[in-house]
């Protein structure tokens, strides 16, 4: 089974310059959707032209909607005031270690 999120939540990114000790590193890749952080990890891999994130680093609000495409499981998060964000869980046939990792649709941009 693929691990669930470890408590990561959709949130606004930090504004301004972080104070020392805040734990914010501007170089860590973040998946942003409508200005909100939906995933964050210094361990991402580009596969198929998209950044893939380990499942424990994505927003806990992403829930399976059960639809599959090419063996990928579709995930969605409903965020009040914005269209749903869509992501895909890579199938077990993906190259190691990417099985179960999460990639996002084109509306999500990665910074960092």
N, C-alpha and C. Protein backbone atom coordinates (compact mmCIF):
# COMPACT_ATOMS: atom_id res chain seq x y z
N UNK A 1 0.82 -1.20 0.00
CA UNK A 1 0.00 0.00 0.00
C UNK A 1 0.86 1.25 0.00
N UNK A 2 0.33 2.28 -0.62
CA UNK A 2 1.03 3.55 -0.70
C UNK A 2 0.78 4.33 0.57
N UNK A 3 1.84 4.88 1.20
CA UNK A 3 1.63 5.63 2.44
C UNK A 3 0.77 6.86 2.22
N UNK A 4 -0.05 7.19 3.19
CA UNK A 4 -0.86 8.40 3.14
C UNK A 4 0.00 9.58 3.55
N UNK A 5 -0.54 10.74 3.40
CA UNK A 5 0.18 11.94 3.77
C UNK A 5 0.51 11.95 5.25
N UNK A 6 1.63 12.54 5.57
CA UNK A 6 2.06 12.62 6.97
C UNK A 6 1.66 13.95 7.58
N UNK A 7 0.50 14.46 7.20
CA UNK A 7 0.02 15.68 7.82
C UNK A 7 0.33 16.95 7.06
N UNK A 8 0.85 16.83 5.83
CA UNK A 8 1.08 18.01 5.00
C UNK A 8 -0.29 18.56 4.63
N UNK A 9 -0.46 19.88 4.68
CA UNK A 9 -1.74 20.49 4.35
C UNK A 9 -1.58 21.53 3.26
N UNK A 10 -2.65 21.71 2.49
CA UNK A 10 -2.66 22.79 1.51
C UNK A 10 -2.59 24.09 2.29
N UNK A 11 -1.71 24.98 1.87
CA UNK A 11 -1.51 26.22 2.60
C UNK A 11 -0.94 27.27 1.66
N UNK A 12 -0.96 28.49 2.11
CA UNK A 12 -0.32 29.57 1.37
C UNK A 12 1.18 29.48 1.59
N UNK A 13 1.97 29.80 0.56
CA UNK A 13 3.42 29.80 0.76
C UNK A 13 3.83 30.95 1.67
N UNK A 14 4.98 30.82 2.32
CA UNK A 14 5.46 31.92 3.17
C UNK A 14 5.64 33.19 2.35
N UNK A 15 5.37 34.31 2.93
CA UNK A 15 5.53 35.61 2.26
C UNK A 15 6.77 36.31 2.80
N UNK A 16 7.45 37.04 1.95
CA UNK A 16 8.61 37.80 2.40
C UNK A 16 9.80 36.91 2.69
N UNK A 17 10.77 37.46 3.37
CA UNK A 17 11.97 36.71 3.69
C UNK A 17 11.76 35.91 4.97
N UNK A 18 12.09 34.62 4.96
CA UNK A 18 11.91 33.81 6.16
C UNK A 18 12.94 34.16 7.22
N UNK A 19 12.53 34.05 8.46
CA UNK A 19 13.47 34.23 9.57
C UNK A 19 14.28 32.97 9.76
N UNK A 20 15.46 33.11 10.30
CA UNK A 20 16.30 31.95 10.57
C UNK A 20 15.56 31.01 11.51
N UNK A 21 15.59 29.72 11.18
CA UNK A 21 14.95 28.73 12.03
C UNK A 21 13.49 28.46 11.71
N UNK A 22 12.93 29.12 10.67
CA UNK A 22 11.54 28.87 10.32
C UNK A 22 11.35 27.55 9.58
N UNK A 23 12.44 26.97 9.09
CA UNK A 23 12.32 25.72 8.36
C UNK A 23 11.90 25.90 6.91
N UNK A 24 11.94 27.11 6.40
CA UNK A 24 11.57 27.37 5.01
C UNK A 24 12.82 27.48 4.17
N UNK A 25 12.92 26.68 3.13
CA UNK A 25 14.05 26.72 2.22
C UNK A 25 13.52 27.06 0.83
N UNK A 26 13.86 28.24 0.29
CA UNK A 26 13.31 28.63 -1.01
C UNK A 26 13.77 27.75 -2.16
N UNK A 27 14.77 26.90 -1.94
CA UNK A 27 15.27 26.02 -2.99
C UNK A 27 14.53 24.69 -3.05
N UNK A 28 13.72 24.38 -2.04
CA UNK A 28 12.98 23.11 -2.02
C UNK A 28 11.82 23.21 -3.01
N UNK A 29 11.70 22.24 -3.94
CA UNK A 29 10.59 22.29 -4.89
C UNK A 29 9.23 22.23 -4.21
N UNK A 30 8.34 23.12 -4.67
CA UNK A 30 6.97 23.18 -4.17
C UNK A 30 6.03 23.14 -5.37
N UNK A 31 4.99 22.34 -5.25
CA UNK A 31 3.93 22.34 -6.26
C UNK A 31 2.90 23.38 -5.82
N UNK A 32 2.66 24.37 -6.67
CA UNK A 32 1.75 25.46 -6.35
C UNK A 32 0.54 25.41 -7.28
N UNK A 33 -0.64 25.58 -6.68
CA UNK A 33 -1.89 25.62 -7.43
C UNK A 33 -2.71 26.77 -6.91
N UNK A 34 -3.05 27.69 -7.79
CA UNK A 34 -3.83 28.87 -7.39
C UNK A 34 -3.20 29.58 -6.20
N UNK A 35 -1.85 29.60 -6.17
CA UNK A 35 -1.13 30.28 -5.10
C UNK A 35 -1.00 29.49 -3.81
N UNK A 36 -1.44 28.23 -3.79
CA UNK A 36 -1.37 27.40 -2.59
C UNK A 36 -0.37 26.27 -2.78
N UNK A 37 0.34 25.91 -1.71
CA UNK A 37 1.29 24.81 -1.76
C UNK A 37 0.52 23.50 -1.61
N UNK A 38 0.61 22.61 -2.62
CA UNK A 38 -0.08 21.32 -2.55
C UNK A 38 0.90 20.15 -2.39
N UNK A 39 2.20 20.42 -2.53
CA UNK A 39 3.23 19.41 -2.27
C UNK A 39 4.56 20.13 -2.11
N UNK A 40 5.44 19.52 -1.33
CA UNK A 40 6.74 20.14 -1.06
C UNK A 40 7.73 19.04 -0.69
N UNK A 41 8.86 19.00 -1.42
CA UNK A 41 9.87 17.98 -1.11
C UNK A 41 11.18 18.34 -1.79
N UNK A 42 12.28 18.01 -1.11
CA UNK A 42 13.58 18.15 -1.75
C UNK A 42 13.97 16.86 -2.46
N UNK A 43 13.01 15.94 -2.60
CA UNK A 43 13.24 14.66 -3.25
C UNK A 43 12.19 14.47 -4.34
N UNK A 44 12.29 15.25 -5.41
CA UNK A 44 11.37 15.09 -6.54
C UNK A 44 12.14 14.52 -7.72
N UNK A 45 11.40 13.92 -8.64
CA UNK A 45 11.99 13.35 -9.85
C UNK A 45 11.13 13.80 -11.02
N UNK A 46 11.76 14.22 -12.11
CA UNK A 46 11.01 14.57 -13.32
C UNK A 46 10.84 13.28 -14.13
N UNK A 47 9.59 12.94 -14.39
CA UNK A 47 9.25 11.72 -15.13
C UNK A 47 8.12 12.06 -16.08
N UNK A 48 8.29 11.78 -17.35
CA UNK A 48 7.26 12.11 -18.32
C UNK A 48 7.02 13.61 -18.44
N UNK A 49 8.05 14.41 -18.15
CA UNK A 49 7.95 15.86 -18.26
C UNK A 49 7.31 16.54 -17.07
N UNK A 50 7.00 15.80 -16.01
CA UNK A 50 6.37 16.39 -14.82
C UNK A 50 7.16 16.02 -13.58
N UNK A 51 7.17 16.96 -12.63
CA UNK A 51 7.77 16.67 -11.32
C UNK A 51 6.89 15.66 -10.61
N UNK A 52 7.51 14.65 -10.02
CA UNK A 52 6.80 13.66 -9.22
C UNK A 52 7.25 13.81 -7.78
N UNK A 53 6.29 13.74 -6.86
CA UNK A 53 6.56 13.92 -5.44
C UNK A 53 6.28 12.62 -4.69
N UNK A 54 7.08 12.31 -3.66
CA UNK A 54 6.78 11.15 -2.82
C UNK A 54 5.40 11.34 -2.19
N UNK A 55 4.64 10.27 -2.01
CA UNK A 55 3.26 10.41 -1.52
C UNK A 55 3.14 11.06 -0.14
N UNK A 56 4.14 10.94 0.71
CA UNK A 56 4.03 11.53 2.05
C UNK A 56 4.28 13.03 2.04
N UNK A 57 4.62 13.60 0.86
CA UNK A 57 4.91 15.03 0.79
C UNK A 57 3.80 15.84 0.13
N UNK A 58 2.71 15.18 -0.24
CA UNK A 58 1.61 15.89 -0.90
C UNK A 58 0.50 16.19 0.11
N UNK A 59 -0.35 17.12 -0.25
CA UNK A 59 -1.41 17.57 0.64
C UNK A 59 -2.34 16.43 1.03
N UNK A 60 -2.64 16.38 2.32
CA UNK A 60 -3.54 15.36 2.84
C UNK A 60 -4.94 15.48 2.24
N UNK A 61 -5.27 16.64 1.71
CA UNK A 61 -6.61 16.87 1.14
C UNK A 61 -6.82 16.14 -0.18
N UNK A 62 -5.74 15.66 -0.82
CA UNK A 62 -5.90 14.93 -2.08
C UNK A 62 -6.54 13.57 -1.78
N UNK A 63 -7.65 13.30 -2.44
CA UNK A 63 -8.39 12.06 -2.22
C UNK A 63 -8.59 11.35 -3.55
N UNK A 64 -8.56 10.04 -3.51
CA UNK A 64 -8.79 9.25 -4.71
C UNK A 64 -10.23 9.43 -5.18
N UNK A 65 -10.38 9.60 -6.49
CA UNK A 65 -11.72 9.62 -7.07
C UNK A 65 -11.95 8.35 -7.87
N UNK A 66 -10.99 7.42 -7.79
CA UNK A 66 -11.16 6.09 -8.33
C UNK A 66 -10.97 5.93 -9.82
N UNK A 67 -10.99 7.01 -10.58
CA UNK A 67 -10.82 6.88 -12.03
C UNK A 67 -9.36 6.57 -12.34
N UNK A 68 -9.15 5.74 -13.33
CA UNK A 68 -7.78 5.42 -13.73
C UNK A 68 -7.58 5.75 -15.19
N UNK A 69 -6.36 6.15 -15.50
CA UNK A 69 -5.97 6.43 -16.87
C UNK A 69 -4.57 5.89 -17.04
N UNK A 70 -4.38 4.98 -17.98
CA UNK A 70 -3.07 4.37 -18.21
C UNK A 70 -2.51 3.75 -16.93
N UNK A 71 -3.37 3.19 -16.08
CA UNK A 71 -2.91 2.57 -14.84
C UNK A 71 -2.70 3.54 -13.70
N UNK A 72 -2.86 4.84 -13.95
CA UNK A 72 -2.67 5.85 -12.89
C UNK A 72 -3.98 6.10 -12.18
N UNK A 73 -3.92 6.26 -10.87
CA UNK A 73 -5.09 6.57 -10.06
C UNK A 73 -5.27 8.08 -10.01
N UNK A 74 -6.49 8.55 -10.24
CA UNK A 74 -6.77 9.98 -10.22
C UNK A 74 -7.07 10.44 -8.80
N UNK A 75 -6.46 11.56 -8.40
CA UNK A 75 -6.67 12.16 -7.09
C UNK A 75 -7.18 13.58 -7.29
N UNK A 76 -8.03 14.05 -6.39
CA UNK A 76 -8.50 15.43 -6.45
C UNK A 76 -8.56 16.02 -5.05
N UNK A 77 -8.40 17.33 -5.00
CA UNK A 77 -8.61 18.07 -3.76
C UNK A 77 -9.55 19.21 -4.07
N UNK A 78 -10.59 19.34 -3.26
CA UNK A 78 -11.52 20.45 -3.42
C UNK A 78 -11.09 21.53 -2.45
N UNK A 79 -10.76 22.69 -2.99
CA UNK A 79 -10.30 23.83 -2.21
C UNK A 79 -11.35 24.92 -2.37
N UNK A 80 -11.94 25.38 -1.29
CA UNK A 80 -12.98 26.41 -1.42
C UNK A 80 -12.50 27.62 -2.23
N UNK A 81 -13.32 28.01 -3.19
CA UNK A 81 -13.03 29.21 -3.97
C UNK A 81 -12.18 29.01 -5.21
N UNK A 82 -11.68 27.79 -5.45
CA UNK A 82 -10.87 27.54 -6.66
C UNK A 82 -11.31 26.21 -7.28
N UNK A 83 -11.04 26.02 -8.58
CA UNK A 83 -11.38 24.74 -9.21
C UNK A 83 -10.60 23.60 -8.53
N UNK A 84 -11.13 22.37 -8.58
CA UNK A 84 -10.41 21.24 -7.96
C UNK A 84 -9.03 21.04 -8.59
N UNK A 85 -8.07 20.68 -7.77
CA UNK A 85 -6.73 20.35 -8.25
C UNK A 85 -6.71 18.84 -8.52
N UNK A 86 -6.10 18.46 -9.65
CA UNK A 86 -6.04 17.06 -10.03
C UNK A 86 -4.59 16.59 -10.03
N UNK A 87 -4.39 15.38 -9.51
CA UNK A 87 -3.08 14.75 -9.49
C UNK A 87 -3.26 13.29 -9.86
N UNK A 88 -2.14 12.63 -10.13
CA UNK A 88 -2.16 11.22 -10.53
C UNK A 88 -1.15 10.44 -9.71
N UNK A 89 -1.58 9.30 -9.18
CA UNK A 89 -0.66 8.38 -8.50
C UNK A 89 -0.10 7.45 -9.56
N UNK A 90 1.23 7.42 -9.68
CA UNK A 90 1.86 6.58 -10.71
C UNK A 90 1.63 5.11 -10.39
N UNK A 91 1.46 4.27 -11.43
CA UNK A 91 1.16 2.86 -11.23
C UNK A 91 2.37 2.06 -10.74
N UNK A 92 2.12 0.85 -10.32
CA UNK A 92 3.20 -0.02 -9.84
C UNK A 92 4.17 -0.37 -10.96
N UNK A 93 3.77 -0.18 -12.22
CA UNK A 93 4.66 -0.46 -13.35
C UNK A 93 5.64 0.68 -13.63
N UNK A 94 5.52 1.81 -12.91
CA UNK A 94 6.45 2.94 -13.10
C UNK A 94 7.85 2.51 -12.67
N UNK A 95 8.89 3.14 -13.25
CA UNK A 95 10.25 2.77 -12.87
C UNK A 95 10.49 3.00 -11.38
N UNK A 96 11.24 2.11 -10.74
CA UNK A 96 11.58 2.33 -9.32
C UNK A 96 12.34 3.64 -9.18
N UNK A 97 12.14 4.38 -8.15
CA UNK A 97 11.24 4.20 -7.00
C UNK A 97 9.91 4.93 -7.18
N UNK A 98 9.49 5.19 -8.42
CA UNK A 98 8.36 6.09 -8.67
C UNK A 98 6.97 5.47 -8.50
N UNK A 99 6.88 4.17 -8.33
CA UNK A 99 5.57 3.55 -8.15
C UNK A 99 4.89 4.17 -6.91
N UNK A 100 3.70 4.68 -7.11
CA UNK A 100 2.95 5.30 -6.01
C UNK A 100 3.22 6.78 -5.82
N UNK A 101 4.23 7.32 -6.51
CA UNK A 101 4.52 8.76 -6.38
C UNK A 101 3.42 9.55 -7.07
N UNK A 102 3.36 10.85 -6.80
CA UNK A 102 2.28 11.71 -7.27
C UNK A 102 2.80 12.74 -8.27
N UNK A 103 2.11 12.83 -9.42
CA UNK A 103 2.39 13.90 -10.38
C UNK A 103 1.11 14.72 -10.54
N UNK A 104 1.27 15.98 -10.87
CA UNK A 104 0.13 16.90 -10.95
C UNK A 104 -0.19 17.26 -12.38
N UNK A 105 -1.45 17.67 -12.61
CA UNK A 105 -1.86 18.14 -13.93
C UNK A 105 -1.19 19.47 -14.24
N UNK A 106 -1.34 19.91 -15.48
CA UNK A 106 -0.67 21.10 -15.97
C UNK A 106 -0.97 22.38 -15.20
N UNK A 107 -2.10 22.47 -14.52
CA UNK A 107 -2.46 23.68 -13.78
C UNK A 107 -1.59 23.91 -12.56
N UNK A 108 -0.80 22.92 -12.19
CA UNK A 108 0.08 23.03 -11.01
C UNK A 108 1.48 23.33 -11.51
N UNK A 109 2.09 24.38 -10.94
CA UNK A 109 3.46 24.70 -11.35
C UNK A 109 4.41 24.37 -10.19
N UNK A 110 5.63 24.01 -10.55
CA UNK A 110 6.63 23.66 -9.54
C UNK A 110 7.68 24.74 -9.51
N UNK A 111 7.95 25.25 -8.31
CA UNK A 111 8.99 26.25 -8.09
C UNK A 111 9.98 25.72 -7.09
N UNK A 112 11.19 26.23 -7.17
CA UNK A 112 12.22 25.86 -6.20
C UNK A 112 13.31 25.03 -6.80
